[in-house]
Structure formats: structure tokens, C-alpha cells
Amino acid sequence: MARTSPYKDDPAFCSSSFYVTKSVNTAFNKALLDMRDAGYEVDRSRLLDLLMKQWAMSPTLPPDWKAAG
């Protein structure tokens, strides 16, 4: 996967870093490659922007994620 981004100098974008399990990262990368092989023009930034935007419109989490207290 490319290490540069067309969004690097775009003021509408910012950089974010997250830790995910290796298995999720591998599955995510494989799915991206599969989508590219199917003819879609998609990159991690655009996809994560879409997913984060969708979740932010209706943020729900499992009950066991709630802090005690």
C-alpha cells in the first residue's frame, strides 16, 4: 500500500493514528485490495472517512465498553 496520501496538504484533512489488531488490519488491507481488483478506486483515507462519518451519525457501542462508576 502506498505510504503517501493525496490528502497530506489538503487543509480539510488531518492525520490520525489508531491501534488495531493485526488480524483486523490484515483483513482490512485484503478487502481494500479485493475492492481495487473489482475496479473500485478506494484508499484507506477515503474509506476510514466514510466509516467514521457513518458511525458518528449514530454512535453506539457494546454495553461492556461503558466505564464503571
PDB file of N, CA and C in Angstrom:
ATOM      1  N   MET A   1       0.844  -1.171   0.000  1.00  0.00           N
ATOM      2  CA  MET A   1       0.000   0.000   0.000  1.00  0.00           C
ATOM      3  C   MET A   1       0.896   1.244   0.000  1.00  0.00           C
ATOM      4  N   ALA A   2       0.439   2.242  -0.682  1.00  0.00           N
ATOM      5  CA  ALA A   2       1.208   3.478  -0.787  1.00  0.00           C
ATOM      6  C   ALA A   2       1.332   4.150   0.575  1.00  0.00           C
ATOM      7  N   ARG A   3       2.476   4.770   0.822  1.00  0.00           N
ATOM      8  CA  ARG A   3       2.714   5.446   2.090  1.00  0.00           C
ATOM      9  C   ARG A   3       2.505   6.961   1.972  1.00  0.00           C
ATOM     10  N   THR A   4       2.155   7.441   0.807  1.00  0.00           N
ATOM     11  CA  THR A   4       1.872   8.859   0.634  1.00  0.00           C
ATOM     12  C   THR A   4       0.379   9.034   0.445  1.00  0.00           C
ATOM     13  N   SER A   5      -0.100  10.243   0.662  1.00  0.00           N
ATOM     14  CA  SER A   5      -1.527  10.495   0.558  1.00  0.00           C
ATOM     15  C   SER A   5      -1.787  11.770  -0.222  1.00  0.00           C
ATOM     16  N   PRO A   6      -2.776  11.738  -1.092  1.00  0.00           N
ATOM     17  CA  PRO A   6      -3.150  12.961  -1.800  1.00  0.00           C
ATOM     18  C   PRO A   6      -3.782  13.983  -0.855  1.00  0.00           C
ATOM     19  N   TYR A   7      -4.078  13.588   0.371  1.00  0.00           N
ATOM     20  CA  TYR A   7      -4.741  14.468   1.335  1.00  0.00           C
ATOM     21  C   TYR A   7      -3.746  15.168   2.257  1.00  0.00           C
ATOM     22  N   LYS A   8      -2.480  14.820   2.154  1.00  0.00           N
ATOM     23  CA  LYS A   8      -1.460  15.341   3.068  1.00  0.00           C
ATOM     24  C   LYS A   8      -1.461  16.865   3.153  1.00  0.00           C
ATOM     25  N   ASP A   9      -1.578  17.546   2.032  1.00  0.00           N
ATOM     26  CA  ASP A   9      -1.535  19.010   2.011  1.00  0.00           C
ATOM     27  C   ASP A   9      -2.910  19.648   1.926  1.00  0.00           C
ATOM     28  N   ASP A  10      -3.964  18.844   2.046  1.00  0.00           N
ATOM     29  CA  ASP A  10      -5.335  19.357   1.986  1.00  0.00           C
ATOM     30  C   ASP A  10      -5.734  19.844   3.381  1.00  0.00           C
ATOM     31  N   PRO A  11      -6.031  21.139   3.538  1.00  0.00           N
ATOM     32  CA  PRO A  11      -6.365  21.662   4.873  1.00  0.00           C
ATOM     33  C   PRO A  11      -7.666  21.110   5.452  1.00  0.00           C
ATOM     34  N   ALA A  12      -8.484  20.473   4.648  1.00  0.00           N
ATOM     35  CA  ALA A  12      -9.725  19.884   5.154  1.00  0.00           C
ATOM     36  C   ALA A  12      -9.471  18.557   5.860  1.00  0.00           C
ATOM     37  N   PHE A  13      -8.257  18.029   5.745  1.00  0.00           N
ATOM     38  CA  PHE A  13      -7.922  16.735   6.322  1.00  0.00           C
ATOM     39  C   PHE A  13      -6.881  16.885   7.424  1.00  0.00           C
ATOM     40  N   CYS A  14      -6.898  15.946   8.365  1.00  0.00           N
ATOM     41  CA  CYS A  14      -5.863  15.871   9.394  1.00  0.00           C
ATOM     42  C   CYS A  14      -5.416  14.420   9.476  1.00  0.00           C
ATOM     43  N   SER A  15      -4.275  14.210  10.056  1.00  0.00           N
ATOM     44  CA  SER A  15      -3.746  12.863  10.209  1.00  0.00           C
ATOM     45  C   SER A  15      -4.177  12.296  11.554  1.00  0.00           C
ATOM     46  N   SER A  16      -4.539  11.016  11.567  1.00  0.00           N
ATOM     47  CA  SER A  16      -4.911  10.320  12.800  1.00  0.00           C
ATOM     48  C   SER A  16      -4.219   8.973  12.833  1.00  0.00           C
ATOM     49  N   SER A  17      -3.865   8.547  14.011  1.00  0.00           N
ATOM     50  CA  SER A  17      -3.260   7.228  14.178  1.00  0.00           C
ATOM     51  C   SER A  17      -4.094   6.429  15.162  1.00  0.00           C
ATOM     52  N   PHE A  18      -4.256   5.147  14.857  1.00  0.00           N
ATOM     53  CA  PHE A  18      -5.045   4.262  15.696  1.00  0.00           C
ATOM     54  C   PHE A  18      -4.327   2.930  15.802  1.00  0.00           C
ATOM     55  N   TYR A  19      -4.547   2.236  16.880  1.00  0.00           N
ATOM     56  CA  TYR A  19      -4.034   0.881  17.028  1.00  0.00           C
ATOM     57  C   TYR A  19      -5.189  -0.087  16.821  1.00  0.00           C
ATOM     58  N   VAL A  20      -4.984  -1.056  15.955  1.00  0.00           N
ATOM     59  CA  VAL A  20      -5.954  -2.118  15.727  1.00  0.00           C
ATOM     60  C   VAL A  20      -5.197  -3.433  15.758  1.00  0.00           C
ATOM     61  N   THR A  21      -5.920  -4.514  15.960  1.00  0.00           N
ATOM     62  CA  THR A  21      -5.265  -5.812  15.971  1.00  0.00           C
ATOM     63  C   THR A  21      -4.703  -6.126  14.582  1.00  0.00           C
ATOM     64  N   LYS A  22      -3.660  -6.915  14.560  1.00  0.00           N
ATOM     65  CA  LYS A  22      -3.033  -7.275  13.282  1.00  0.00           C
ATOM     66  C   LYS A  22      -4.018  -7.993  12.370  1.00  0.00           C
ATOM     67  N   SER A  23      -4.864  -8.837  12.955  1.00  0.00           N
ATOM     68  CA  SER A  23      -5.819  -9.580  12.123  1.00  0.00           C
ATOM     69  C   SER A  23      -6.835  -8.643  11.459  1.00  0.00           C
ATOM     70  N   VAL A  24      -7.284  -7.625  12.177  1.00  0.00           N
ATOM     71  CA  VAL A  24      -8.206  -6.652  11.587  1.00  0.00           C
ATOM     72  C   VAL A  24      -7.506  -5.849  10.497  1.00  0.00           C
ATOM     73  N   ASN A  25      -6.279  -5.423  10.752  1.00  0.00           N
ATOM     74  CA  ASN A  25      -5.527  -4.657   9.762  1.00  0.00           C
ATOM     75  C   ASN A  25      -5.298  -5.483   8.497  1.00  0.00           C
ATOM     76  N   THR A  26      -4.949  -6.744   8.655  1.00  0.00           N
ATOM     77  CA  THR A  26      -4.729  -7.621   7.507  1.00  0.00           C
ATOM     78  C   THR A  26      -6.020  -7.819   6.716  1.00  0.00           C
ATOM     79  N   ALA A  27      -7.117  -8.068   7.416  1.00  0.00           N
ATOM     80  CA  ALA A  27      -8.404  -8.252   6.742  1.00  0.00           C
ATOM     81  C   ALA A  27      -8.837  -6.976   6.030  1.00  0.00           C
ATOM     82  N   PHE A  28      -8.604  -5.826   6.655  1.00  0.00           N
ATOM     83  CA  PHE A  28      -8.945  -4.535   6.063  1.00  0.00           C
ATOM     84  C   PHE A  28      -8.148  -4.320   4.782  1.00  0.00           C
ATOM     85  N   ASN A  29      -6.833  -4.556   4.847  1.00  0.00           N
ATOM     86  CA  ASN A  29      -5.984  -4.390   3.668  1.00  0.00           C
ATOM     87  C   ASN A  29      -6.385  -5.347   2.553  1.00  0.00           C
ATOM     88  N   LYS A  30      -6.714  -6.590   2.904  1.00  0.00           N
ATOM     89  CA  LYS A  30      -7.152  -7.554   1.902  1.00  0.00           C
ATOM     90  C   LYS A  30      -8.449  -7.094   1.249  1.00  0.00           C
ATOM     91  N   ALA A  31      -9.387  -6.614   2.049  1.00  0.00           N
ATOM     92  CA  ALA A  31     -10.649  -6.135   1.498  1.00  0.00           C
ATOM     93  C   ALA A  31     -10.423  -4.947   0.561  1.00  0.00           C
ATOM     94  N   LEU A  32      -9.508  -4.043   0.925  1.00  0.00           N
ATOM     95  CA  LEU A  32      -9.182  -2.921   0.042  1.00  0.00           C
ATOM     96  C   LEU A  32      -8.630  -3.415  -1.287  1.00  0.00           C
ATOM     97  N   LEU A  33      -7.709  -4.369  -1.225  1.00  0.00           N
ATOM     98  CA  LEU A  33      -7.132  -4.915  -2.452  1.00  0.00           C
ATOM     99  C   LEU A  33      -8.193  -5.620  -3.295  1.00  0.00           C
ATOM    100  N   ASP A  34      -9.095  -6.340  -2.642  1.00  0.00           N
ATOM    101  CA  ASP A  34     -10.180  -7.008  -3.362  1.00  0.00           C
ATOM    102  C   ASP A  34     -11.076  -5.987  -4.062  1.00  0.00           C
ATOM    103  N   MET A  35     -11.364  -4.873  -3.389  1.00  0.00           N
ATOM    104  CA  MET A  35     -12.195  -3.826  -3.997  1.00  0.00           C
ATOM    105  C   MET A  35     -11.473  -3.197  -5.190  1.00  0.00           C
ATOM    106  N   ARG A  36     -10.170  -2.986  -5.054  1.00  0.00           N
ATOM    107  CA  ARG A  36      -9.387  -2.449  -6.175  1.00  0.00           C
ATOM    108  C   ARG A  36      -9.403  -3.421  -7.346  1.00  0.00           C
ATOM    109  N   ASP A  37      -9.244  -4.719  -7.053  1.00  0.00           N
ATOM    110  CA  ASP A  37      -9.292  -5.729  -8.108  1.00  0.00           C
ATOM    111  C   ASP A  37     -10.652  -5.757  -8.794  1.00  0.00           C
ATOM    112  N   ALA A  38     -11.699  -5.380  -8.051  1.00  0.00           N
ATOM    113  CA  ALA A  38     -13.051  -5.337  -8.617  1.00  0.00           C
ATOM    114  C   ALA A  38     -13.316  -4.036  -9.375  1.00  0.00           C
ATOM    115  N   GLY A  39     -12.305  -3.154  -9.431  1.00  0.00           N
ATOM    116  CA  GLY A  39     -12.434  -1.939 -10.227  1.00  0.00           C
ATOM    117  C   GLY A  39     -12.783  -0.673  -9.466  1.00  0.00           C
ATOM    118  N   TYR A  40     -12.823  -0.742  -8.146  1.00  0.00           N
ATOM    119  CA  TYR A  40     -13.120   0.449  -7.349  1.00  0.00           C
ATOM    120  C   TYR A  40     -11.854   1.247  -7.081  1.00  0.00           C
ATOM    121  N   GLU A  41     -11.975   2.559  -7.132  1.00  0.00           N
ATOM    122  CA  GLU A  41     -10.865   3.435  -6.753  1.00  0.00           C
ATOM    123  C   GLU A  41     -11.100   3.844  -5.307  1.00  0.00           C
ATOM    124  N   VAL A  42     -10.417   3.196  -4.400  1.00  0.00           N
ATOM    125  CA  VAL A  42     -10.628   3.452  -2.972  1.00  0.00           C
ATOM    126  C   VAL A  42      -9.275   3.419  -2.269  1.00  0.00           C
ATOM    127  N   ASP A  43      -9.128   4.285  -1.285  1.00  0.00           N
ATOM    128  CA  ASP A  43      -7.924   4.248  -0.465  1.00  0.00           C
ATOM    129  C   ASP A  43      -8.332   4.280   1.007  1.00  0.00           C
ATOM    130  N   ARG A  44      -7.383   4.018   1.864  1.00  0.00           N
ATOM    131  CA  ARG A  44      -7.667   3.932   3.301  1.00  0.00           C
ATOM    132  C   ARG A  44      -8.274   5.212   3.849  1.00  0.00           C
ATOM    133  N   SER A  45      -7.740   6.351   3.438  1.00  0.00           N
ATOM    134  CA  SER A  45      -8.243   7.630   3.965  1.00  0.00           C
ATOM    135  C   SER A  45      -9.714   7.836   3.615  1.00  0.00           C
ATOM    136  N   ARG A  46     -10.060   7.626   2.369  1.00  0.00           N
ATOM    137  CA  ARG A  46     -11.465   7.816   1.957  1.00  0.00           C
ATOM    138  C   ARG A  46     -12.378   6.829   2.658  1.00  0.00           C
ATOM    139  N   LEU A  47     -11.937   5.582   2.766  1.00  0.00           N
ATOM    140  CA  LEU A  47     -12.777   4.579   3.399  1.00  0.00           C
ATOM    141  C   LEU A  47     -12.939   4.848   4.892  1.00  0.00           C
ATOM    142  N   LEU A  48     -11.857   5.165   5.582  1.00  0.00           N
ATOM    143  CA  LEU A  48     -11.957   5.473   7.012  1.00  0.00           C
ATOM    144  C   LEU A  48     -12.789   6.727   7.247  1.00  0.00           C
ATOM    145  N   ASP A  49     -12.681   7.717   6.371  1.00  0.00           N
ATOM    146  CA  ASP A  49     -13.519   8.915   6.472  1.00  0.00           C
ATOM    147  C   ASP A  49     -14.998   8.531   6.378  1.00  0.00           C
ATOM    148  N   LEU A  50     -15.334   7.669   5.424  1.00  0.00           N
ATOM    149  CA  LEU A  50     -16.715   7.207   5.263  1.00  0.00           C
ATOM    150  C   LEU A  50     -17.200   6.446   6.493  1.00  0.00           C
ATOM    151  N   LEU A  51     -16.400   5.492   6.961  1.00  0.00           N
ATOM    152  CA  LEU A  51     -16.798   4.683   8.111  1.00  0.00           C
ATOM    153  C   LEU A  51     -16.949   5.520   9.381  1.00  0.00           C
ATOM    154  N   MET A  52     -16.004   6.437   9.604  1.00  0.00           N
ATOM    155  CA  MET A  52     -16.073   7.288  10.800  1.00  0.00           C
ATOM    156  C   MET A  52     -17.271   8.228  10.736  1.00  0.00           C
ATOM    157  N   LYS A  53     -17.550   8.752   9.564  1.00  0.00           N
ATOM    158  CA  LYS A  53     -18.703   9.644   9.389  1.00  0.00           C
ATOM    159  C   LYS A  53     -20.002   8.897   9.649  1.00  0.00           C
ATOM    160  N   GLN A  54     -20.131   7.682   9.121  1.00  0.00           N
ATOM    161  CA  GLN A  54     -21.334   6.875   9.338  1.00  0.00           C
ATOM    162  C   GLN A  54     -21.526   6.563  10.813  1.00  0.00           C
ATOM    163  N   TRP A  55     -20.458   6.164  11.506  1.00  0.00           N
ATOM    164  CA  TRP A  55     -20.587   5.840  12.925  1.00  0.00           C
ATOM    165  C   TRP A  55     -20.930   7.088  13.742  1.00  0.00           C
ATOM    166  N   ALA A  56     -20.341   8.224  13.396  1.00  0.00           N
ATOM    167  CA  ALA A  56     -20.586   9.463  14.145  1.00  0.00           C
ATOM    168  C   ALA A  56     -22.043   9.910  14.048  1.00  0.00           C
ATOM    169  N   MET A  57     -22.732   9.542  12.972  1.00  0.00           N
ATOM    170  CA  MET A  57     -24.143   9.913  12.825  1.00  0.00           C
ATOM    171  C   MET A  57     -25.037   9.113  13.766  1.00  0.00           C
ATOM    172  N   SER A  58     -24.584   7.939  14.174  1.00  0.00           N
ATOM    173  CA  SER A  58     -25.351   7.101  15.079  1.00  0.00           C
ATOM    174  C   SER A  58     -24.395   6.295  15.963  1.00  0.00           C
ATOM    175  N   PRO A  59     -23.712   6.993  16.881  1.00  0.00           N
ATOM    176  CA  PRO A  59     -22.695   6.316  17.682  1.00  0.00           C
ATOM    177  C   PRO A  59     -23.292   5.375  18.729  1.00  0.00           C
ATOM    178  N   THR A  60     -23.026   4.110  18.542  1.00  0.00           N
ATOM    179  CA  THR A  60     -23.431   3.105  19.522  1.00  0.00           C
ATOM    180  C   THR A  60     -22.233   2.204  19.806  1.00  0.00           C
ATOM    181  N   LEU A  61     -22.166   1.717  21.016  1.00  0.00           N
ATOM    182  CA  LEU A  61     -21.097   0.816  21.437  1.00  0.00           C
ATOM    183  C   LEU A  61     -21.692  -0.304  22.275  1.00  0.00           C
ATOM    184  N   PRO A  62     -20.995  -1.419  22.382  1.00  0.00           N
ATOM    185  CA  PRO A  62     -21.475  -2.509  23.231  1.00  0.00           C
ATOM    186  C   PRO A  62     -21.538  -2.053  24.697  1.00  0.00           C
ATOM    187  N   PRO A  63     -22.511  -2.517  25.449  1.00  0.00           N
ATOM    188  CA  PRO A  63     -22.643  -2.116  26.844  1.00  0.00           C
ATOM    189  C   PRO A  63     -21.384  -2.388  27.680  1.00  0.00           C
ATOM    190  N   ASP A  64     -20.645  -3.440  27.366  1.00  0.00           N
ATOM    191  CA  ASP A  64     -19.474  -3.755  28.186  1.00  0.00           C
ATOM    192  C   ASP A  64     -18.309  -2.788  27.956  1.00  0.00           C
ATOM    193  N   TRP A  65     -18.455  -1.854  27.027  1.00  0.00           N
ATOM    194  CA  TRP A  65     -17.443  -0.828  26.834  1.00  0.00           C
ATOM    195  C   TRP A  65     -17.628   0.353  27.788  1.00  0.00           C
ATOM    196  N   LYS A  66     -18.786   0.406  28.441  1.00  0.00           N
ATOM    197  CA  LYS A  66     -19.093   1.528  29.323  1.00  0.00           C
ATOM    198  C   LYS A  66     -18.216   1.489  30.568  1.00  0.00           C
ATOM    199  N   ALA A  67     -17.680   2.655  30.911  1.00  0.00           N
ATOM    200  CA  ALA A  67     -16.804   2.751  32.085  1.00  0.00           C
ATOM    201  C   ALA A  67     -17.604   2.473  33.358  1.00  0.00           C
ATOM    202  N   ALA A  68     -16.969   1.805  34.279  1.00  0.00           N
ATOM    203  CA  ALA A  68     -17.611   1.536  35.581  1.00  0.00           C
ATOM    204  C   ALA A  68     -17.684   2.827  36.385  1.00  0.00           C
ATOM    205  N   GLY A  69     -18.760   2.965  37.107  1.00  0.00           N
ATOM    206  CA  GLY A  69     -18.844   4.100  38.001  1.00  0.00           C
ATOM    207  C   GLY A  69     -19.897   4.995  37.647  1.00  0.00           C
TER     208      GLY A  69
END
